[in-house]
Amino acid sequence: LFSRFREQSGRFSENLREDVRGLLSLYEASQLACEGETVLEEATAFSSEHLRARISRMDQRMSRQVRRALQVPLHRR
Protein backbone atom coordinates (compact mmCIF):
# COMPACT_ATOMS: atom_id res chain seq x y z
CA LEU A 1 0.00 0.00 0.00
CA PHE A 2 2.76 2.45 0.85
CA SER A 3 5.07 1.41 -1.98
CA ARG A 4 4.08 4.42 -4.08
CA PHE A 5 5.42 6.70 -1.34
CA ARG A 6 8.73 4.83 -0.97
CA GLU A 7 11.93 4.65 -2.96
CA GLN A 8 13.67 1.38 -3.81
CA SER A 9 15.83 1.86 -0.73
CA GLY A 10 12.69 1.59 1.41
CA ARG A 11 12.85 5.19 2.59
CA PHE A 12 10.00 7.57 1.98
CA SER A 13 10.57 9.61 -1.15
CA GLU A 14 12.02 13.05 -0.51
CA ASN A 15 10.11 14.24 -3.59
CA LEU A 16 6.94 13.74 -1.58
CA ARG A 17 7.87 16.55 0.81
CA GLU A 18 6.71 19.09 -1.80
CA ASP A 19 3.36 17.33 -2.33
CA VAL A 20 1.21 18.63 0.51
CA ARG A 21 -1.85 16.60 -0.45
CA GLY A 22 0.25 13.46 -0.75
CA LEU A 23 1.84 14.11 2.64
CA LEU A 24 -1.55 14.70 4.19
CA SER A 25 -2.90 11.47 2.70
CA LEU A 26 0.14 9.59 3.94
CA TYR A 27 -0.26 11.11 7.40
CA GLU A 28 -3.96 10.27 7.62
CA ALA A 29 -3.37 6.69 6.46
CA SER A 30 -0.51 6.24 8.91
CA GLN A 31 -2.81 7.16 11.79
CA LEU A 32 -4.54 3.80 11.38
CA ALA A 33 -1.41 2.00 12.59
CA CYS A 34 -1.44 -0.65 15.24
CA GLU A 35 1.42 -0.94 17.68
CA GLY A 36 4.52 -2.37 16.06
CA GLU A 37 3.69 -1.43 12.47
CA THR A 38 7.05 0.10 11.73
CA VAL A 39 6.23 1.27 8.21
CA LEU A 40 3.24 3.24 9.46
CA GLU A 41 5.21 4.68 12.37
CA GLU A 42 7.87 5.83 9.89
CA ALA A 43 5.13 7.29 7.68
CA THR A 44 3.74 9.28 10.61
CA ALA A 45 7.15 10.69 11.49
CA PHE A 46 8.05 11.54 7.89
CA SER A 47 4.74 13.11 6.93
CA SER A 48 4.19 15.10 10.12
CA GLU A 49 7.73 16.49 10.00
CA HIS A 50 7.35 17.69 6.42
CA LEU A 51 3.80 18.99 6.90
CA ARG A 52 4.90 21.06 9.88
CA ALA A 53 7.87 22.41 7.93
CA ARG A 54 5.65 23.58 5.06
CA ILE A 55 2.61 24.81 6.96
CA SER A 56 3.66 28.47 6.90
CA ARG A 57 3.97 28.35 3.10
CA MET A 58 0.53 26.85 2.44
CA ASP A 59 -2.54 28.76 1.43
CA GLN A 60 -4.92 29.48 4.27
CA ARG A 61 -7.40 26.72 3.45
CA MET A 62 -4.76 24.00 3.17
CA SER A 63 -2.96 25.28 6.26
CA ARG A 64 -6.19 25.02 8.26
CA GLN A 65 -6.82 21.50 6.98
CA VAL A 66 -3.29 20.36 7.83
CA ARG A 67 -3.35 21.92 11.30
CA ARG A 68 -6.62 20.19 12.06
CA ALA A 69 -5.35 16.84 10.78
CA LEU A 70 -2.21 17.12 12.90
CA GLN A 71 -4.32 17.88 15.97
CA VAL A 72 -7.08 15.32 15.38
CA PRO A 73 -6.67 12.75 12.60
CA LEU A 74 -9.64 12.35 10.27
CA HIS A 75 -10.66 8.92 11.57
CA ARG A 76 -11.05 10.36 15.09
CA ARG A 77 -13.37 13.22 14.12
C-alpha atoms as a PDB file:
ATOM      1  CA  LEU A   1       0.000   0.000   0.000  1.00  0.00           C
ATOM      2  CA  PHE A   2       2.764   2.449   0.846  1.00  0.00           C
ATOM      3  CA  SER A   3       5.067   1.410  -1.983  1.00  0.00           C
ATOM      4  CA  ARG A   4       4.081   4.419  -4.080  1.00  0.00           C
ATOM      5  CA  PHE A   5       5.424   6.697  -1.344  1.00  0.00           C
ATOM      6  CA  ARG A   6       8.727   4.833  -0.968  1.00  0.00           C
ATOM      7  CA  GLU A   7      11.926   4.647  -2.961  1.00  0.00           C
ATOM      8  CA  GLN A   8      13.665   1.382  -3.810  1.00  0.00           C
ATOM      9  CA  SER A   9      15.830   1.860  -0.726  1.00  0.00           C
ATOM     10  CA  GLY A  10      12.692   1.593   1.408  1.00  0.00           C
ATOM     11  CA  ARG A  11      12.850   5.192   2.587  1.00  0.00           C
ATOM     12  CA  PHE A  12       9.997   7.570   1.980  1.00  0.00           C
ATOM     13  CA  SER A  13      10.566   9.612  -1.149  1.00  0.00           C
ATOM     14  CA  GLU A  14      12.025  13.046  -0.511  1.00  0.00           C
ATOM     15  CA  ASN A  15      10.105  14.241  -3.586  1.00  0.00           C
ATOM     16  CA  LEU A  16       6.944  13.736  -1.575  1.00  0.00           C
ATOM     17  CA  ARG A  17       7.866  16.552   0.807  1.00  0.00           C
ATOM     18  CA  GLU A  18       6.709  19.087  -1.799  1.00  0.00           C
ATOM     19  CA  ASP A  19       3.363  17.327  -2.327  1.00  0.00           C
ATOM     20  CA  VAL A  20       1.210  18.628   0.514  1.00  0.00           C
ATOM     21  CA  ARG A  21      -1.854  16.603  -0.450  1.00  0.00           C
ATOM     22  CA  GLY A  22       0.254  13.456  -0.752  1.00  0.00           C
ATOM     23  CA  LEU A  23       1.836  14.105   2.641  1.00  0.00           C
ATOM     24  CA  LEU A  24      -1.552  14.701   4.186  1.00  0.00           C
ATOM     25  CA  SER A  25      -2.895  11.467   2.699  1.00  0.00           C
ATOM     26  CA  LEU A  26       0.141   9.588   3.940  1.00  0.00           C
ATOM     27  CA  TYR A  27      -0.260  11.114   7.404  1.00  0.00           C
ATOM     28  CA  GLU A  28      -3.963  10.266   7.621  1.00  0.00           C
ATOM     29  CA  ALA A  29      -3.372   6.689   6.462  1.00  0.00           C
ATOM     30  CA  SER A  30      -0.515   6.240   8.910  1.00  0.00           C
ATOM     31  CA  GLN A  31      -2.807   7.155  11.790  1.00  0.00           C
ATOM     32  CA  LEU A  32      -4.543   3.799  11.385  1.00  0.00           C
ATOM     33  CA  ALA A  33      -1.411   2.002  12.586  1.00  0.00           C
ATOM     34  CA  CYS A  34      -1.445  -0.654  15.236  1.00  0.00           C
ATOM     35  CA  GLU A  35       1.417  -0.939  17.677  1.00  0.00           C
ATOM     36  CA  GLY A  36       4.517  -2.371  16.055  1.00  0.00           C
ATOM     37  CA  GLU A  37       3.691  -1.431  12.467  1.00  0.00           C
ATOM     38  CA  THR A  38       7.053   0.097  11.728  1.00  0.00           C
ATOM     39  CA  VAL A  39       6.227   1.272   8.210  1.00  0.00           C
ATOM     40  CA  LEU A  40       3.240   3.241   9.461  1.00  0.00           C
ATOM     41  CA  GLU A  41       5.207   4.680  12.368  1.00  0.00           C
ATOM     42  CA  GLU A  42       7.866   5.835   9.894  1.00  0.00           C
ATOM     43  CA  ALA A  43       5.132   7.285   7.684  1.00  0.00           C
ATOM     44  CA  THR A  44       3.741   9.277  10.609  1.00  0.00           C
ATOM     45  CA  ALA A  45       7.152  10.690  11.493  1.00  0.00           C
ATOM     46  CA  PHE A  46       8.051  11.544   7.893  1.00  0.00           C
ATOM     47  CA  SER A  47       4.741  13.108   6.926  1.00  0.00           C
ATOM     48  CA  SER A  48       4.187  15.096  10.116  1.00  0.00           C
ATOM     49  CA  GLU A  49       7.732  16.491  10.004  1.00  0.00           C
ATOM     50  CA  HIS A  50       7.346  17.690   6.421  1.00  0.00           C
ATOM     51  CA  LEU A  51       3.801  18.988   6.901  1.00  0.00           C
ATOM     52  CA  ARG A  52       4.898  21.065   9.884  1.00  0.00           C
ATOM     53  CA  ALA A  53       7.870  22.408   7.934  1.00  0.00           C
ATOM     54  CA  ARG A  54       5.654  23.576   5.057  1.00  0.00           C
ATOM     55  CA  ILE A  55       2.605  24.812   6.958  1.00  0.00           C
ATOM     56  CA  SER A  56       3.663  28.470   6.900  1.00  0.00           C
ATOM     57  CA  ARG A  57       3.969  28.350   3.095  1.00  0.00           C
ATOM     58  CA  MET A  58       0.532  26.847   2.439  1.00  0.00           C
ATOM     59  CA  ASP A  59      -2.538  28.758   1.427  1.00  0.00           C
ATOM     60  CA  GLN A  60      -4.923  29.483   4.274  1.00  0.00           C
ATOM     61  CA  ARG A  61      -7.396  26.724   3.454  1.00  0.00           C
ATOM     62  CA  MET A  62      -4.759  23.999   3.173  1.00  0.00           C
ATOM     63  CA  SER A  63      -2.964  25.275   6.258  1.00  0.00           C
ATOM     64  CA  ARG A  64      -6.189  25.025   8.260  1.00  0.00           C
ATOM     65  CA  GLN A  65      -6.819  21.504   6.976  1.00  0.00           C
ATOM     66  CA  VAL A  66      -3.292  20.360   7.825  1.00  0.00           C
ATOM     67  CA  ARG A  67      -3.345  21.918  11.296  1.00  0.00           C
ATOM     68  CA  ARG A  68      -6.616  20.189  12.059  1.00  0.00           C
ATOM     69  CA  ALA A  69      -5.350  16.836  10.782  1.00  0.00           C
ATOM     70  CA  LEU A  70      -2.208  17.118  12.903  1.00  0.00           C
ATOM     71  CA  GLN A  71      -4.323  17.879  15.971  1.00  0.00           C
ATOM     72  CA  VAL A  72      -7.081  15.316  15.380  1.00  0.00           C
ATOM     73  CA  PRO A  73      -6.672  12.746  12.600  1.00  0.00           C
ATOM     74  CA  LEU A  74      -9.645  12.352  10.272  1.00  0.00           C
ATOM     75  CA  HIS A  75     -10.661   8.923  11.566  1.00  0.00           C
ATOM     76  CA  ARG A  76     -11.053  10.363  15.091  1.00  0.00           C
ATOM     77  CA  ARG A  77     -13.373  13.217  14.119  1.00  0.00           C
END
